[in-house]
Amino acid sequence: MTSWQNEAMAKKSDKAEIDRRVHTVVKLLSSAKTSSYILRFCSEEWGVTERQAQTYLQRAREIIKADYSVERSDFLGTRLALLDEIIEASIRCKQHSNAVGALKLQAQLTRLLEGS
């Protein structure tokens, strides 16, 4: 590694860069990456310490929690609307089994089916 690369890695990141990194970690968590994978990614991609990577990971988890700390009825409503879109798209693409699956999930969420 050249000296200018070391200097660039040691340079303190600004708020916008830190926010971009945290949101990248949110995406990694949302795509089911493990904590160890994310810590390694942060180190290799941005040259940060494990402690800094842990900070990014914690902030990302807080963002995800905040995104899901909504009222149950609001959460249910948005998920039912999303399932409506999935049903419509599935029917348009002639993927009827996907439409049936989404309909079944809607019924379970609204407790229309027994055993839900």
N, C-alpha and C. Protein backbone atom coordinates (compact mmCIF):
# COMPACT_ATOMS: atom_id res chain seq x y z
N MET A 1 0.85 -1.17 0.00
CA MET A 1 0.00 0.00 0.00
C MET A 1 0.90 1.23 0.00
N THR A 2 0.56 2.23 -0.82
CA THR A 2 1.39 3.44 -0.89
C THR A 2 1.10 4.34 0.29
N SER A 3 2.00 5.30 0.52
CA SER A 3 1.81 6.20 1.66
C SER A 3 0.58 7.07 1.49
N TRP A 4 0.27 7.48 0.24
CA TRP A 4 -0.93 8.31 0.06
C TRP A 4 -2.19 7.52 0.33
N GLN A 5 -2.19 6.18 0.08
CA GLN A 5 -3.34 5.36 0.41
C GLN A 5 -3.51 5.26 1.92
N ASN A 6 -2.39 5.12 2.64
CA ASN A 6 -2.45 5.08 4.09
C ASN A 6 -3.00 6.39 4.64
N GLU A 7 -2.55 7.51 4.07
CA GLU A 7 -3.04 8.82 4.52
C GLU A 7 -4.53 8.95 4.25
N ALA A 8 -4.97 8.50 3.09
CA ALA A 8 -6.39 8.58 2.75
C ALA A 8 -7.22 7.74 3.69
N MET A 9 -6.69 6.56 4.07
CA MET A 9 -7.42 5.69 4.97
C MET A 9 -7.48 6.28 6.37
N ALA A 10 -6.42 6.99 6.76
CA ALA A 10 -6.35 7.54 8.11
C ALA A 10 -7.17 8.83 8.24
N LYS A 11 -7.48 9.46 7.11
CA LYS A 11 -8.23 10.71 7.13
C LYS A 11 -9.62 10.49 7.74
N LYS A 12 -10.01 11.41 8.58
CA LYS A 12 -11.32 11.30 9.23
C LYS A 12 -12.43 11.56 8.20
N SER A 13 -13.44 10.69 8.21
CA SER A 13 -14.56 10.82 7.27
C SER A 13 -15.51 11.91 7.74
N ASP A 14 -16.12 12.60 6.76
CA ASP A 14 -17.11 13.62 7.12
C ASP A 14 -18.47 12.96 7.37
N LYS A 15 -19.41 13.75 7.85
CA LYS A 15 -20.73 13.22 8.23
C LYS A 15 -21.42 12.54 7.05
N ALA A 16 -21.33 13.14 5.88
CA ALA A 16 -22.00 12.56 4.71
C ALA A 16 -21.41 11.18 4.38
N GLU A 17 -20.10 11.06 4.48
CA GLU A 17 -19.45 9.77 4.19
C GLU A 17 -19.84 8.73 5.24
N ILE A 18 -19.87 9.13 6.49
CA ILE A 18 -20.27 8.20 7.55
C ILE A 18 -21.71 7.74 7.35
N ASP A 19 -22.60 8.68 7.03
CA ASP A 19 -24.00 8.32 6.76
C ASP A 19 -24.10 7.35 5.59
N ARG A 20 -23.31 7.59 4.54
CA ARG A 20 -23.33 6.69 3.38
C ARG A 20 -22.87 5.29 3.80
N ARG A 21 -21.84 5.23 4.63
CA ARG A 21 -21.34 3.93 5.09
C ARG A 21 -22.37 3.22 5.95
N VAL A 22 -23.01 3.95 6.85
CA VAL A 22 -24.02 3.34 7.73
C VAL A 22 -25.17 2.80 6.88
N HIS A 23 -25.59 3.56 5.87
CA HIS A 23 -26.69 3.08 5.03
C HIS A 23 -26.27 1.89 4.16
N THR A 24 -24.99 1.83 3.81
CA THR A 24 -24.49 0.64 3.13
C THR A 24 -24.59 -0.57 4.06
N VAL A 25 -24.28 -0.38 5.33
CA VAL A 25 -24.38 -1.46 6.31
C VAL A 25 -25.85 -1.86 6.51
N VAL A 26 -26.77 -0.89 6.48
CA VAL A 26 -28.21 -1.21 6.55
C VAL A 26 -28.57 -2.15 5.40
N LYS A 27 -28.10 -1.83 4.20
CA LYS A 27 -28.40 -2.68 3.04
C LYS A 27 -27.80 -4.07 3.20
N LEU A 28 -26.60 -4.14 3.75
CA LEU A 28 -25.98 -5.45 3.97
C LEU A 28 -26.77 -6.27 4.99
N LEU A 29 -27.19 -5.63 6.08
CA LEU A 29 -28.01 -6.33 7.07
C LEU A 29 -29.33 -6.79 6.45
N SER A 30 -29.91 -5.93 5.63
CA SER A 30 -31.20 -6.25 5.01
C SER A 30 -31.08 -7.37 3.99
N SER A 31 -29.86 -7.61 3.51
CA SER A 31 -29.66 -8.71 2.57
C SER A 31 -29.09 -9.95 3.28
N ALA A 32 -29.28 -9.99 4.61
CA ALA A 32 -28.97 -11.16 5.44
C ALA A 32 -27.48 -11.46 5.57
N LYS A 33 -26.64 -10.44 5.43
CA LYS A 33 -25.20 -10.65 5.66
C LYS A 33 -24.95 -10.76 7.16
N THR A 34 -23.99 -11.58 7.54
CA THR A 34 -23.68 -11.78 8.95
C THR A 34 -22.85 -10.61 9.48
N SER A 35 -22.83 -10.48 10.79
CA SER A 35 -22.04 -9.42 11.41
C SER A 35 -20.57 -9.57 11.05
N SER A 36 -20.06 -10.79 11.08
CA SER A 36 -18.63 -10.99 10.76
C SER A 36 -18.34 -10.60 9.31
N TYR A 37 -19.26 -10.89 8.41
CA TYR A 37 -19.08 -10.48 7.01
C TYR A 37 -19.04 -8.95 6.92
N ILE A 38 -19.97 -8.29 7.62
CA ILE A 38 -20.05 -6.82 7.56
C ILE A 38 -18.80 -6.19 8.17
N LEU A 39 -18.32 -6.73 9.28
CA LEU A 39 -17.10 -6.18 9.89
C LEU A 39 -15.92 -6.30 8.94
N ARG A 40 -15.80 -7.45 8.29
CA ARG A 40 -14.73 -7.66 7.32
C ARG A 40 -14.89 -6.72 6.13
N PHE A 41 -16.13 -6.57 5.65
CA PHE A 41 -16.41 -5.66 4.53
C PHE A 41 -15.98 -4.24 4.87
N CYS A 42 -16.35 -3.76 6.06
CA CYS A 42 -16.00 -2.39 6.47
C CYS A 42 -14.49 -2.21 6.51
N SER A 43 -13.80 -3.19 7.03
CA SER A 43 -12.34 -3.12 7.13
C SER A 43 -11.70 -3.08 5.74
N GLU A 44 -12.15 -3.98 4.87
CA GLU A 44 -11.55 -4.08 3.54
C GLU A 44 -11.96 -2.91 2.63
N GLU A 45 -13.22 -2.51 2.72
CA GLU A 45 -13.74 -1.47 1.83
C GLU A 45 -13.32 -0.07 2.24
N TRP A 46 -13.34 0.19 3.54
CA TRP A 46 -13.10 1.55 4.02
C TRP A 46 -11.86 1.68 4.89
N GLY A 47 -11.21 0.58 5.21
CA GLY A 47 -10.00 0.63 6.01
C GLY A 47 -10.22 1.09 7.44
N VAL A 48 -11.37 0.78 8.00
CA VAL A 48 -11.67 1.20 9.37
C VAL A 48 -11.33 0.09 10.35
N THR A 49 -11.20 0.47 11.61
CA THR A 49 -10.93 -0.50 12.67
C THR A 49 -12.19 -1.32 12.95
N GLU A 50 -12.01 -2.42 13.64
CA GLU A 50 -13.17 -3.23 14.03
C GLU A 50 -14.11 -2.42 14.92
N ARG A 51 -13.54 -1.60 15.79
CA ARG A 51 -14.36 -0.78 16.68
C ARG A 51 -15.25 0.18 15.87
N GLN A 52 -14.66 0.83 14.85
CA GLN A 52 -15.44 1.75 14.01
C GLN A 52 -16.50 0.98 13.23
N ALA A 53 -16.14 -0.20 12.74
CA ALA A 53 -17.11 -1.02 12.01
C ALA A 53 -18.26 -1.43 12.91
N GLN A 54 -17.96 -1.74 14.18
CA GLN A 54 -19.01 -2.06 15.16
C GLN A 54 -19.94 -0.87 15.35
N THR A 55 -19.38 0.34 15.35
CA THR A 55 -20.19 1.55 15.48
C THR A 55 -21.14 1.69 14.29
N TYR A 56 -20.61 1.46 13.08
CA TYR A 56 -21.47 1.50 11.89
C TYR A 56 -22.59 0.47 11.99
N LEU A 57 -22.23 -0.72 12.45
CA LEU A 57 -23.19 -1.81 12.59
C LEU A 57 -24.29 -1.45 13.60
N GLN A 58 -23.90 -0.87 14.73
CA GLN A 58 -24.87 -0.47 15.75
C GLN A 58 -25.81 0.61 15.21
N ARG A 59 -25.25 1.60 14.54
CA ARG A 59 -26.08 2.68 13.98
C ARG A 59 -27.04 2.13 12.92
N ALA A 60 -26.57 1.19 12.13
CA ALA A 60 -27.43 0.58 11.11
C ALA A 60 -28.58 -0.18 11.76
N ARG A 61 -28.29 -0.91 12.83
CA ARG A 61 -29.35 -1.64 13.54
C ARG A 61 -30.37 -0.68 14.15
N GLU A 62 -29.91 0.46 14.64
CA GLU A 62 -30.83 1.46 15.19
C GLU A 62 -31.75 2.02 14.11
N ILE A 63 -31.22 2.23 12.91
CA ILE A 63 -32.04 2.71 11.79
C ILE A 63 -33.10 1.68 11.44
N ILE A 64 -32.71 0.41 11.40
CA ILE A 64 -33.66 -0.65 11.07
C ILE A 64 -34.75 -0.73 12.14
N LYS A 65 -34.36 -0.66 13.40
CA LYS A 65 -35.35 -0.69 14.48
C LYS A 65 -36.32 0.48 14.36
N ALA A 66 -35.80 1.67 14.08
CA ALA A 66 -36.65 2.86 13.94
C ALA A 66 -37.63 2.69 12.78
N ASP A 67 -37.16 2.08 11.70
CA ASP A 67 -38.03 1.85 10.54
C ASP A 67 -39.20 0.94 10.88
N TYR A 68 -39.00 0.04 11.84
CA TYR A 68 -40.04 -0.92 12.17
C TYR A 68 -40.75 -0.63 13.48
N SER A 69 -40.45 0.51 14.08
CA SER A 69 -41.15 0.85 15.33
C SER A 69 -42.37 1.69 14.99
N VAL A 70 -43.29 1.09 14.28
CA VAL A 70 -44.54 1.74 13.89
C VAL A 70 -45.70 1.00 14.56
N GLU A 71 -46.82 1.64 14.56
CA GLU A 71 -48.01 1.00 15.12
C GLU A 71 -48.33 -0.27 14.33
N ARG A 72 -48.83 -1.25 15.02
CA ARG A 72 -49.17 -2.53 14.39
C ARG A 72 -50.12 -2.35 13.20
N SER A 73 -51.12 -1.50 13.34
CA SER A 73 -52.09 -1.31 12.26
C SER A 73 -51.44 -0.65 11.05
N ASP A 74 -50.52 0.29 11.28
CA ASP A 74 -49.80 0.93 10.17
C ASP A 74 -48.94 -0.09 9.44
N PHE A 75 -48.23 -0.90 10.22
CA PHE A 75 -47.37 -1.93 9.65
C PHE A 75 -48.20 -2.91 8.82
N LEU A 76 -49.30 -3.37 9.40
CA LEU A 76 -50.16 -4.32 8.70
C LEU A 76 -50.71 -3.71 7.42
N GLY A 77 -51.14 -2.46 7.47
CA GLY A 77 -51.70 -1.80 6.29
C GLY A 77 -50.70 -1.71 5.15
N THR A 78 -49.46 -1.32 5.47
CA THR A 78 -48.47 -1.21 4.40
C THR A 78 -48.11 -2.57 3.83
N ARG A 79 -48.07 -3.59 4.66
CA ARG A 79 -47.75 -4.93 4.17
C ARG A 79 -48.89 -5.50 3.32
N LEU A 80 -50.10 -5.23 3.71
CA LEU A 80 -51.24 -5.69 2.90
C LEU A 80 -51.25 -4.99 1.54
N ALA A 81 -50.92 -3.70 1.52
CA ALA A 81 -50.85 -2.96 0.25
C ALA A 81 -49.74 -3.53 -0.64
N LEU A 82 -48.61 -3.86 -0.05
CA LEU A 82 -47.52 -4.45 -0.81
C LEU A 82 -47.94 -5.80 -1.38
N LEU A 83 -48.63 -6.60 -0.58
CA LEU A 83 -49.12 -7.89 -1.06
C LEU A 83 -50.12 -7.71 -2.21
N ASP A 84 -50.94 -6.65 -2.16
CA ASP A 84 -51.83 -6.36 -3.29
C ASP A 84 -51.03 -6.16 -4.58
N GLU A 85 -49.94 -5.41 -4.48
CA GLU A 85 -49.10 -5.17 -5.65
C GLU A 85 -48.47 -6.47 -6.15
N ILE A 86 -48.05 -7.31 -5.22
CA ILE A 86 -47.45 -8.60 -5.60
C ILE A 86 -48.48 -9.48 -6.30
N ILE A 87 -49.70 -9.48 -5.78
CA ILE A 87 -50.77 -10.27 -6.40
C ILE A 87 -51.03 -9.79 -7.82
N GLU A 88 -51.17 -8.48 -7.99
CA GLU A 88 -51.44 -7.92 -9.32
C GLU A 88 -50.31 -8.25 -10.30
N ALA A 89 -49.06 -8.05 -9.87
CA ALA A 89 -47.92 -8.34 -10.74
C ALA A 89 -47.84 -9.83 -11.07
N SER A 90 -48.13 -10.67 -10.11
CA SER A 90 -48.08 -12.12 -10.33
C SER A 90 -49.13 -12.55 -11.35
N ILE A 91 -50.30 -11.98 -11.26
CA ILE A 91 -51.37 -12.32 -12.21
C ILE A 91 -51.00 -11.83 -13.61
N ARG A 92 -50.46 -10.60 -13.70
CA ARG A 92 -50.04 -10.06 -15.00
C ARG A 92 -48.98 -10.94 -15.65
N CYS A 93 -48.08 -11.49 -14.85
CA CYS A 93 -46.98 -12.33 -15.36
C CYS A 93 -47.37 -13.80 -15.46
N LYS A 94 -48.63 -14.07 -15.19
CA LYS A 94 -49.16 -15.44 -15.22
C LYS A 94 -48.42 -16.36 -14.25
N GLN A 95 -48.00 -15.80 -13.10
CA GLN A 95 -47.38 -16.60 -12.04
C GLN A 95 -48.42 -16.79 -10.94
N HIS A 96 -49.40 -17.61 -11.27
CA HIS A 96 -50.56 -17.75 -10.40
C HIS A 96 -50.23 -18.34 -9.04
N SER A 97 -49.23 -19.20 -8.97
CA SER A 97 -48.88 -19.76 -7.66
C SER A 97 -48.35 -18.67 -6.73
N ASN A 98 -47.63 -17.69 -7.28
CA ASN A 98 -47.17 -16.56 -6.45
C ASN A 98 -48.36 -15.73 -5.97
N ALA A 99 -49.34 -15.54 -6.85
CA ALA A 99 -50.54 -14.78 -6.47
C ALA A 99 -51.29 -15.50 -5.36
N VAL A 100 -51.42 -16.81 -5.49
CA VAL A 100 -52.11 -17.60 -4.46
C VAL A 100 -51.36 -17.51 -3.14
N GLY A 101 -50.03 -17.59 -3.19
CA GLY A 101 -49.23 -17.48 -1.97
C GLY A 101 -49.42 -16.13 -1.29
N ALA A 102 -49.43 -15.06 -2.09
CA ALA A 102 -49.63 -13.73 -1.52
C ALA A 102 -51.04 -13.58 -0.95
N LEU A 103 -52.04 -14.15 -1.63
CA LEU A 103 -53.41 -14.12 -1.11
C LEU A 103 -53.51 -14.87 0.21
N LYS A 104 -52.82 -16.00 0.28
CA LYS A 104 -52.85 -16.80 1.51
C LYS A 104 -52.19 -16.01 2.65
N LEU A 105 -51.09 -15.36 2.36
CA LEU A 105 -50.41 -14.56 3.38
C LEU A 105 -51.29 -13.40 3.83
N GLN A 106 -51.99 -12.76 2.90
CA GLN A 106 -52.93 -11.69 3.28
C GLN A 106 -53.99 -12.24 4.22
N ALA A 107 -54.53 -13.40 3.88
CA ALA A 107 -55.56 -14.00 4.71
C ALA A 107 -55.02 -14.33 6.10
N GLN A 108 -53.79 -14.80 6.17
CA GLN A 108 -53.17 -15.09 7.47
C GLN A 108 -52.97 -13.82 8.28
N LEU A 109 -52.48 -12.78 7.61
CA LEU A 109 -52.23 -11.52 8.31
C LEU A 109 -53.51 -10.89 8.84
N THR A 110 -54.60 -11.08 8.11
CA THR A 110 -55.88 -10.51 8.54
C THR A 110 -56.69 -11.52 9.34
N ARG A 111 -56.10 -12.67 9.59
CA ARG A 111 -56.70 -13.75 10.39
C ARG A 111 -58.00 -14.28 9.79
N LEU A 112 -58.06 -14.28 8.46
CA LEU A 112 -59.21 -14.86 7.79
C LEU A 112 -59.11 -16.38 7.72
N LEU A 113 -57.88 -16.89 7.81
CA LEU A 113 -57.69 -18.34 7.79
C LEU A 113 -57.45 -18.85 9.20
N GLU A 114 -58.02 -19.98 9.51
CA GLU A 114 -57.77 -20.61 10.82
C GLU A 114 -56.34 -21.12 10.86
N GLY A 115 -55.79 -21.19 12.05
CA GLY A 115 -54.43 -21.70 12.23
C GLY A 115 -53.37 -20.67 11.88
N SER A 116 -53.77 -19.42 11.79
CA SER A 116 -52.81 -18.36 11.44
C SER A 116 -52.07 -17.88 12.64
